[in-house]
Amino acid sequence: MTIMKPERAPAIGFIMGVAYRKIASLLQQRLKGFDITPEQWAVLYQIDLADGLIQKEIADRSGKDKPTTTRIIDHLEHKELVHKQTGKQDRRSFLVYSTARGKALIQETLPLEQSVTEDVKHMMSKDEYSMLMELLQRISLQLSIQAEQES
């Protein structure tokens, strides 16, 4: 990859988007035989971590908007990886649970997801990786705060 002069460098969002798509593509290749996309996997993983979440919590934890999360949950339910249950306090909401099939899929594919992370880690030093993670989390947090203040 050619390093561009700052005045000609692409926007940070563009660079981050390209890197994200390449990492997601790598995960997609590794998940190919499991009939699940990286986006579906991320949502299923969050559901499996804490069964009984409502859609808003799943969206927040997986970093997706509510309509996208709803669509993904519907796909996962169609694949019999999750099931919905009407909420006890609020009948308008539903809780989402991972099925035995969903739990088994996560257990089987978690090493594949972890291998993608390991591949990325090997592209830099431990300090660089730690700094990258810290910076990305800081950016995410600050943009969330900014979005709340502007709404």
N, C-alpha and C. Protein backbone atom coordinates (compact mmCIF):
# COMPACT_ATOMS: atom_id res chain seq x y z
N MET A 1 0.85 -1.18 0.00
CA MET A 1 0.00 0.00 0.00
C MET A 1 0.89 1.24 0.00
N THR A 2 0.57 2.19 -0.83
CA THR A 2 1.33 3.42 -0.94
C THR A 2 0.88 4.41 0.12
N ILE A 3 1.82 5.03 0.80
CA ILE A 3 1.51 6.05 1.79
C ILE A 3 1.34 7.37 1.03
N MET A 4 0.22 8.03 1.26
CA MET A 4 -0.04 9.27 0.55
C MET A 4 0.33 10.47 1.41
N LYS A 5 0.60 11.58 0.78
CA LYS A 5 0.87 12.82 1.49
C LYS A 5 -0.40 13.23 2.23
N PRO A 6 -0.26 13.86 3.42
CA PRO A 6 -1.44 14.21 4.22
C PRO A 6 -2.50 15.00 3.44
N GLU A 7 -2.09 15.91 2.58
CA GLU A 7 -3.09 16.70 1.85
C GLU A 7 -3.85 15.87 0.82
N ARG A 8 -3.33 14.70 0.47
CA ARG A 8 -3.98 13.83 -0.51
C ARG A 8 -4.48 12.53 0.11
N ALA A 9 -4.24 12.35 1.38
CA ALA A 9 -4.63 11.10 2.05
C ALA A 9 -6.15 10.99 2.11
N PRO A 10 -6.68 9.78 1.94
CA PRO A 10 -8.13 9.58 2.06
C PRO A 10 -8.59 9.89 3.49
N ALA A 11 -9.86 10.13 3.62
CA ALA A 11 -10.45 10.41 4.93
C ALA A 11 -10.29 9.20 5.85
N ILE A 12 -10.21 9.47 7.14
CA ILE A 12 -10.02 8.39 8.12
C ILE A 12 -11.15 7.37 8.05
N GLY A 13 -12.38 7.83 7.83
CA GLY A 13 -13.51 6.91 7.72
C GLY A 13 -13.35 5.97 6.54
N PHE A 14 -12.78 6.49 5.45
CA PHE A 14 -12.55 5.65 4.28
C PHE A 14 -11.53 4.57 4.59
N ILE A 15 -10.40 4.96 5.18
CA ILE A 15 -9.34 4.00 5.51
C ILE A 15 -9.86 2.94 6.50
N MET A 16 -10.58 3.38 7.52
CA MET A 16 -11.12 2.44 8.50
C MET A 16 -12.15 1.52 7.85
N GLY A 17 -12.96 2.06 6.94
CA GLY A 17 -13.96 1.26 6.24
C GLY A 17 -13.32 0.18 5.37
N VAL A 18 -12.26 0.55 4.66
CA VAL A 18 -11.56 -0.42 3.82
C VAL A 18 -10.97 -1.53 4.69
N ALA A 19 -10.32 -1.15 5.78
CA ALA A 19 -9.73 -2.15 6.68
C ALA A 19 -10.82 -3.07 7.24
N TYR A 20 -11.93 -2.48 7.67
CA TYR A 20 -13.04 -3.27 8.21
C TYR A 20 -13.55 -4.27 7.17
N ARG A 21 -13.75 -3.81 5.93
CA ARG A 21 -14.28 -4.70 4.89
C ARG A 21 -13.31 -5.84 4.60
N LYS A 22 -12.01 -5.57 4.65
CA LYS A 22 -11.04 -6.63 4.40
C LYS A 22 -11.03 -7.65 5.54
N ILE A 23 -11.14 -7.18 6.77
CA ILE A 23 -11.19 -8.10 7.92
C ILE A 23 -12.49 -8.90 7.88
N ALA A 24 -13.61 -8.23 7.57
CA ALA A 24 -14.90 -8.92 7.48
C ALA A 24 -14.88 -9.95 6.35
N SER A 25 -14.23 -9.62 5.26
CA SER A 25 -14.13 -10.55 4.13
C SER A 25 -13.33 -11.80 4.52
N LEU A 26 -12.27 -11.60 5.28
CA LEU A 26 -11.47 -12.72 5.76
C LEU A 26 -12.32 -13.63 6.66
N LEU A 27 -13.08 -13.03 7.57
CA LEU A 27 -13.96 -13.82 8.44
C LEU A 27 -15.03 -14.52 7.60
N GLN A 28 -15.58 -13.83 6.63
CA GLN A 28 -16.61 -14.42 5.78
C GLN A 28 -16.07 -15.66 5.06
N GLN A 29 -14.85 -15.58 4.57
CA GLN A 29 -14.23 -16.74 3.91
C GLN A 29 -14.12 -17.92 4.88
N ARG A 30 -13.75 -17.63 6.11
CA ARG A 30 -13.57 -18.70 7.10
C ARG A 30 -14.91 -19.29 7.57
N LEU A 31 -15.97 -18.48 7.50
CA LEU A 31 -17.30 -18.94 7.91
C LEU A 31 -18.08 -19.55 6.76
N LYS A 32 -17.48 -19.59 5.60
CA LYS A 32 -18.18 -19.98 4.36
C LYS A 32 -19.01 -21.26 4.49
N GLY A 33 -18.50 -22.27 5.10
CA GLY A 33 -19.21 -23.54 5.18
C GLY A 33 -20.26 -23.61 6.28
N PHE A 34 -20.49 -22.51 6.98
CA PHE A 34 -21.40 -22.54 8.14
C PHE A 34 -22.72 -21.81 7.90
N ASP A 35 -22.95 -21.30 6.69
CA ASP A 35 -24.19 -20.61 6.35
C ASP A 35 -24.51 -19.46 7.31
N ILE A 36 -23.49 -18.65 7.58
CA ILE A 36 -23.69 -17.49 8.44
C ILE A 36 -22.72 -16.39 7.99
N THR A 37 -23.21 -15.15 7.98
CA THR A 37 -22.37 -14.02 7.60
C THR A 37 -21.66 -13.48 8.83
N PRO A 38 -20.60 -12.69 8.66
CA PRO A 38 -19.95 -12.07 9.83
C PRO A 38 -20.92 -11.21 10.65
N GLU A 39 -21.84 -10.50 9.97
CA GLU A 39 -22.80 -9.67 10.69
C GLU A 39 -23.75 -10.53 11.53
N GLN A 40 -24.23 -11.62 10.93
CA GLN A 40 -25.10 -12.54 11.68
C GLN A 40 -24.33 -13.19 12.82
N TRP A 41 -23.08 -13.55 12.56
CA TRP A 41 -22.26 -14.18 13.59
C TRP A 41 -22.09 -13.23 14.78
N ALA A 42 -21.82 -11.96 14.51
CA ALA A 42 -21.60 -10.99 15.59
C ALA A 42 -22.85 -10.85 16.47
N VAL A 43 -24.01 -10.82 15.85
CA VAL A 43 -25.25 -10.71 16.61
C VAL A 43 -25.51 -12.00 17.40
N LEU A 44 -25.34 -13.14 16.74
CA LEU A 44 -25.53 -14.42 17.44
C LEU A 44 -24.56 -14.55 18.61
N TYR A 45 -23.34 -14.11 18.43
CA TYR A 45 -22.34 -14.16 19.50
C TYR A 45 -22.81 -13.34 20.71
N GLN A 46 -23.32 -12.14 20.47
CA GLN A 46 -23.80 -11.30 21.58
C GLN A 46 -25.00 -11.94 22.27
N ILE A 47 -25.89 -12.53 21.50
CA ILE A 47 -27.05 -13.22 22.08
C ILE A 47 -26.58 -14.40 22.92
N ASP A 48 -25.61 -15.14 22.41
CA ASP A 48 -25.09 -16.32 23.12
C ASP A 48 -24.38 -15.91 24.42
N LEU A 49 -23.72 -14.76 24.41
CA LEU A 49 -23.03 -14.30 25.62
C LEU A 49 -23.99 -13.98 26.75
N ALA A 50 -25.15 -13.45 26.39
CA ALA A 50 -26.12 -13.04 27.42
C ALA A 50 -27.53 -13.33 26.93
N ASP A 51 -27.94 -14.58 27.04
CA ASP A 51 -29.29 -14.96 26.62
C ASP A 51 -30.34 -14.10 27.30
N GLY A 52 -31.42 -13.82 26.57
CA GLY A 52 -32.54 -13.09 27.14
C GLY A 52 -32.43 -11.59 27.00
N LEU A 53 -31.69 -11.13 25.99
CA LEU A 53 -31.56 -9.70 25.75
C LEU A 53 -32.72 -9.22 24.89
N ILE A 54 -33.07 -7.94 25.04
CA ILE A 54 -34.03 -7.33 24.13
C ILE A 54 -33.27 -6.80 22.91
N GLN A 55 -34.01 -6.51 21.86
CA GLN A 55 -33.40 -6.09 20.60
C GLN A 55 -32.49 -4.88 20.77
N LYS A 56 -32.89 -3.91 21.55
CA LYS A 56 -32.08 -2.70 21.73
C LYS A 56 -30.72 -3.04 22.35
N GLU A 57 -30.72 -3.93 23.35
CA GLU A 57 -29.46 -4.34 23.98
C GLU A 57 -28.57 -5.08 22.98
N ILE A 58 -29.19 -5.92 22.17
CA ILE A 58 -28.42 -6.65 21.15
C ILE A 58 -27.82 -5.67 20.16
N ALA A 59 -28.60 -4.71 19.72
CA ALA A 59 -28.12 -3.69 18.78
C ALA A 59 -26.95 -2.92 19.38
N ASP A 60 -27.09 -2.49 20.63
CA ASP A 60 -26.02 -1.74 21.29
C ASP A 60 -24.76 -2.57 21.42
N ARG A 61 -24.90 -3.80 21.84
CA ARG A 61 -23.74 -4.66 22.07
C ARG A 61 -23.04 -5.07 20.77
N SER A 62 -23.79 -5.17 19.69
CA SER A 62 -23.19 -5.59 18.42
C SER A 62 -22.82 -4.41 17.53
N GLY A 63 -23.14 -3.19 17.97
CA GLY A 63 -22.78 -2.00 17.20
C GLY A 63 -23.58 -1.82 15.93
N LYS A 64 -24.82 -2.28 15.94
CA LYS A 64 -25.67 -2.17 14.77
C LYS A 64 -26.91 -1.35 15.11
N ASP A 65 -27.55 -0.78 14.09
CA ASP A 65 -28.78 -0.04 14.36
C ASP A 65 -29.93 -1.04 14.55
N LYS A 66 -31.05 -0.53 15.09
CA LYS A 66 -32.17 -1.42 15.42
C LYS A 66 -32.79 -2.11 14.20
N PRO A 67 -33.03 -1.40 13.08
CA PRO A 67 -33.61 -2.10 11.93
C PRO A 67 -32.71 -3.22 11.39
N THR A 68 -31.40 -2.98 11.35
CA THR A 68 -30.47 -4.01 10.89
C THR A 68 -30.48 -5.19 11.86
N THR A 69 -30.51 -4.90 13.15
CA THR A 69 -30.53 -5.95 14.16
C THR A 69 -31.80 -6.79 14.03
N THR A 70 -32.93 -6.14 13.81
CA THR A 70 -34.20 -6.85 13.63
C THR A 70 -34.11 -7.80 12.45
N ARG A 71 -33.59 -7.32 11.33
CA ARG A 71 -33.46 -8.14 10.14
C ARG A 71 -32.54 -9.34 10.40
N ILE A 72 -31.42 -9.10 11.08
CA ILE A 72 -30.48 -10.18 11.37
C ILE A 72 -31.11 -11.21 12.31
N ILE A 73 -31.79 -10.74 13.34
CA ILE A 73 -32.45 -11.66 14.28
C ILE A 73 -33.48 -12.51 13.54
N ASP A 74 -34.22 -11.90 12.61
CA ASP A 74 -35.20 -12.65 11.82
C ASP A 74 -34.51 -13.75 11.01
N HIS A 75 -33.36 -13.42 10.40
CA HIS A 75 -32.60 -14.44 9.65
C HIS A 75 -32.12 -15.56 10.57
N LEU A 76 -31.61 -15.17 11.74
CA LEU A 76 -31.12 -16.17 12.69
C LEU A 76 -32.26 -17.06 13.19
N GLU A 77 -33.43 -16.46 13.38
CA GLU A 77 -34.58 -17.24 13.82
C GLU A 77 -35.01 -18.21 12.71
N HIS A 78 -35.00 -17.75 11.47
CA HIS A 78 -35.35 -18.61 10.34
C HIS A 78 -34.39 -19.80 10.23
N LYS A 79 -33.12 -19.57 10.59
CA LYS A 79 -32.11 -20.64 10.56
C LYS A 79 -32.13 -21.49 11.82
N GLU A 80 -33.07 -21.17 12.73
CA GLU A 80 -33.25 -21.88 13.99
C GLU A 80 -32.02 -21.79 14.89
N LEU A 81 -31.35 -20.62 14.85
CA LEU A 81 -30.19 -20.37 15.70
C LEU A 81 -30.58 -19.58 16.94
N VAL A 82 -31.72 -18.87 16.88
CA VAL A 82 -32.24 -18.13 18.03
C VAL A 82 -33.75 -18.33 18.08
N HIS A 83 -34.32 -18.02 19.24
CA HIS A 83 -35.78 -17.97 19.35
C HIS A 83 -36.15 -16.77 20.21
N LYS A 84 -37.33 -16.25 19.94
CA LYS A 84 -37.84 -15.07 20.66
C LYS A 84 -38.89 -15.52 21.67
N GLN A 85 -38.94 -14.76 22.76
CA GLN A 85 -39.94 -15.02 23.79
C GLN A 85 -40.50 -13.67 24.22
N THR A 86 -41.81 -13.57 24.33
CA THR A 86 -42.44 -12.32 24.75
C THR A 86 -41.95 -11.92 26.14
N GLY A 87 -41.66 -10.62 26.30
CA GLY A 87 -41.18 -10.13 27.59
C GLY A 87 -42.23 -10.24 28.67
N LYS A 88 -41.79 -10.51 29.89
CA LYS A 88 -42.74 -10.66 31.00
C LYS A 88 -43.24 -9.31 31.50
N GLN A 89 -42.35 -8.31 31.57
CA GLN A 89 -42.75 -6.99 32.03
C GLN A 89 -43.43 -6.17 30.93
N ASP A 90 -42.93 -6.32 29.71
CA ASP A 90 -43.45 -5.53 28.60
C ASP A 90 -43.79 -6.49 27.45
N ARG A 91 -45.07 -6.71 27.24
CA ARG A 91 -45.50 -7.67 26.22
C ARG A 91 -45.23 -7.16 24.80
N ARG A 92 -44.90 -5.87 24.65
CA ARG A 92 -44.58 -5.34 23.32
C ARG A 92 -43.16 -5.70 22.91
N SER A 93 -42.31 -6.04 23.86
CA SER A 93 -40.93 -6.40 23.54
C SER A 93 -40.77 -7.91 23.63
N PHE A 94 -39.67 -8.38 23.12
CA PHE A 94 -39.38 -9.81 23.22
C PHE A 94 -37.93 -10.00 23.60
N LEU A 95 -37.68 -11.12 24.25
CA LEU A 95 -36.33 -11.49 24.63
C LEU A 95 -35.82 -12.50 23.61
N VAL A 96 -34.54 -12.43 23.32
CA VAL A 96 -33.96 -13.32 22.31
C VAL A 96 -32.99 -14.28 22.99
N TYR A 97 -33.13 -15.55 22.65
CA TYR A 97 -32.31 -16.61 23.23
C TYR A 97 -31.63 -17.40 22.12
N SER A 98 -30.44 -17.85 22.39
CA SER A 98 -29.72 -18.73 21.48
C SER A 98 -30.26 -20.14 21.65
N THR A 99 -30.51 -20.82 20.54
CA THR A 99 -30.95 -22.22 20.60
C THR A 99 -29.72 -23.11 20.79
N ALA A 100 -29.96 -24.39 21.03
CA ALA A 100 -28.84 -25.34 21.15
C ALA A 100 -28.02 -25.33 19.85
N ARG A 101 -28.72 -25.22 18.73
CA ARG A 101 -28.03 -25.16 17.43
C ARG A 101 -27.17 -23.89 17.33
N GLY A 102 -27.71 -22.76 17.81
CA GLY A 102 -26.96 -21.50 17.80
C GLY A 102 -25.74 -21.57 18.71
N LYS A 103 -25.92 -22.14 19.88
CA LYS A 103 -24.79 -22.28 20.82
C LYS A 103 -23.69 -23.17 20.22
N ALA A 104 -24.11 -24.25 19.58
CA ALA A 104 -23.14 -25.16 18.97
C ALA A 104 -22.38 -24.46 17.84
N LEU A 105 -23.09 -23.66 17.05
CA LEU A 105 -22.45 -22.93 15.95
C LEU A 105 -21.41 -21.95 16.48
N ILE A 106 -21.74 -21.24 17.53
CA ILE A 106 -20.77 -20.29 18.12
C ILE A 106 -19.55 -21.05 18.63
N GLN A 107 -19.76 -22.15 19.33
CA GLN A 107 -18.63 -22.92 19.85
C GLN A 107 -17.72 -23.43 18.72
N GLU A 108 -18.35 -23.82 17.63
CA GLU A 108 -17.59 -24.37 16.51
C GLU A 108 -16.85 -23.28 15.72
N THR A 109 -17.42 -22.08 15.66
CA THR A 109 -16.85 -21.03 14.82
C THR A 109 -16.04 -19.99 15.59
N LEU A 110 -16.14 -19.98 16.89
CA LEU A 110 -15.38 -19.00 17.69
C LEU A 110 -13.88 -19.07 17.39
N PRO A 111 -13.28 -20.26 17.26
CA PRO A 111 -11.86 -20.30 16.91
C PRO A 111 -11.55 -19.65 15.55
N LEU A 112 -12.50 -19.71 14.63
CA LEU A 112 -12.30 -19.06 13.32
C LEU A 112 -12.25 -17.55 13.48
N GLU A 113 -13.17 -17.01 14.28
CA GLU A 113 -13.18 -15.57 14.52
C GLU A 113 -11.91 -15.15 15.25
N GLN A 114 -11.50 -15.94 16.21
CA GLN A 114 -10.28 -15.64 16.96
C GLN A 114 -9.05 -15.71 16.07
N SER A 115 -9.07 -16.58 15.07
CA SER A 115 -7.93 -16.69 14.16
C SER A 115 -7.79 -15.44 13.30
N VAL A 116 -8.90 -14.81 12.97
CA VAL A 116 -8.85 -13.55 12.22
C VAL A 116 -8.18 -12.48 13.08
N THR A 117 -8.56 -12.40 14.33
CA THR A 117 -7.94 -11.44 15.26
C THR A 117 -6.45 -11.72 15.38
N GLU A 118 -6.08 -12.97 15.50
CA GLU A 118 -4.66 -13.33 15.60
C GLU A 118 -3.90 -12.94 14.33
N ASP A 119 -4.51 -13.15 13.18
CA ASP A 119 -3.86 -12.75 11.93
C ASP A 119 -3.60 -11.25 11.89
N VAL A 120 -4.56 -10.47 12.34
CA VAL A 120 -4.38 -9.02 12.38
C VAL A 120 -3.31 -8.65 13.40
N LYS A 121 -3.31 -9.28 14.55
CA LYS A 121 -2.30 -9.01 15.57
C LYS A 121 -0.90 -9.24 15.05
N HIS A 122 -0.72 -10.25 14.21
CA HIS A 122 0.61 -10.57 13.68
C HIS A 122 1.12 -9.53 12.68
N MET A 123 0.28 -8.59 12.31
CA MET A 123 0.68 -7.55 11.36
C MET A 123 1.34 -6.37 12.06
N MET A 124 1.40 -6.42 13.40
CA MET A 124 1.95 -5.32 14.17
C MET A 124 2.52 -5.84 15.48
N SER A 125 3.22 -4.96 16.18
CA SER A 125 3.75 -5.36 17.48
C SER A 125 2.63 -5.38 18.52
N LYS A 126 2.90 -5.99 19.68
CA LYS A 126 1.92 -6.02 20.77
C LYS A 126 1.55 -4.61 21.19
N ASP A 127 2.55 -3.73 21.30
CA ASP A 127 2.28 -2.34 21.70
C ASP A 127 1.42 -1.63 20.66
N GLU A 128 1.72 -1.85 19.39
CA GLU A 128 0.92 -1.23 18.33
C GLU A 128 -0.52 -1.72 18.38
N TYR A 129 -0.69 -3.02 18.58
CA TYR A 129 -2.04 -3.58 18.65
C TYR A 129 -2.79 -3.00 19.85
N SER A 130 -2.14 -2.92 20.99
CA SER A 130 -2.78 -2.34 22.18
C SER A 130 -3.16 -0.89 21.93
N MET A 131 -2.26 -0.15 21.30
CA MET A 131 -2.54 1.25 21.01
C MET A 131 -3.69 1.38 20.01
N LEU A 132 -3.70 0.53 18.98
CA LEU A 132 -4.79 0.56 18.00
C LEU A 132 -6.13 0.32 18.68
N MET A 133 -6.19 -0.71 19.52
CA MET A 133 -7.45 -1.01 20.21
C MET A 133 -7.88 0.14 21.12
N GLU A 134 -6.93 0.71 21.85
CA GLU A 134 -7.24 1.84 22.73
C GLU A 134 -7.77 3.02 21.93
N LEU A 135 -7.13 3.33 20.82
CA LEU A 135 -7.55 4.46 19.99
C LEU A 135 -8.93 4.23 19.37
N LEU A 136 -9.17 3.03 18.87
CA LEU A 136 -10.47 2.74 18.27
C LEU A 136 -11.59 2.81 19.31
N GLN A 137 -11.31 2.31 20.52
CA GLN A 137 -12.32 2.39 21.58
C GLN A 137 -12.56 3.83 22.00
N ARG A 138 -11.51 4.63 22.04
CA ARG A 138 -11.65 6.04 22.39
C ARG A 138 -12.47 6.78 21.33
N ILE A 139 -12.18 6.52 20.07
CA ILE A 139 -12.93 7.15 18.98
C ILE A 139 -14.40 6.77 19.09
N SER A 140 -14.68 5.49 19.28
CA SER A 140 -16.05 5.01 19.38
C SER A 140 -16.79 5.66 20.55
N LEU A 141 -16.15 5.71 21.69
CA LEU A 141 -16.76 6.31 22.87
C LEU A 141 -17.05 7.79 22.65
N GLN A 142 -16.06 8.52 22.15
CA GLN A 142 -16.23 9.95 21.95
C GLN A 142 -17.30 10.26 20.91
N LEU A 143 -17.37 9.47 19.86
CA LEU A 143 -18.41 9.69 18.85
C LEU A 143 -19.79 9.35 19.39
N SER A 144 -19.88 8.36 20.26
CA SER A 144 -21.16 8.05 20.92
C SER A 144 -21.60 9.19 21.80
N ILE A 145 -20.69 9.74 22.56
CA ILE A 145 -21.00 10.89 23.43
C ILE A 145 -21.44 12.07 22.60
N GLN A 146 -20.70 12.32 21.53
CA GLN A 146 -21.04 13.44 20.64
C GLN A 146 -22.42 13.26 20.02
N ALA A 147 -22.75 12.05 19.59
CA ALA A 147 -24.05 11.77 18.98
C ALA A 147 -25.17 12.00 19.99
N GLU A 148 -24.95 11.60 21.25
CA GLU A 148 -25.97 11.81 22.30
C GLU A 148 -26.20 13.29 22.55
N GLN A 149 -25.11 14.05 22.56
CA GLN A 149 -25.20 15.49 22.81
C GLN A 149 -25.91 16.21 21.67
N GLU A 150 -25.75 15.71 20.45
CA GLU A 150 -26.36 16.37 19.29
C GLU A 150 -27.81 15.96 19.08
N SER A 151 -28.25 14.91 19.76
CA SER A 151 -29.65 14.48 19.55
C SER A 151 -30.57 15.01 20.60
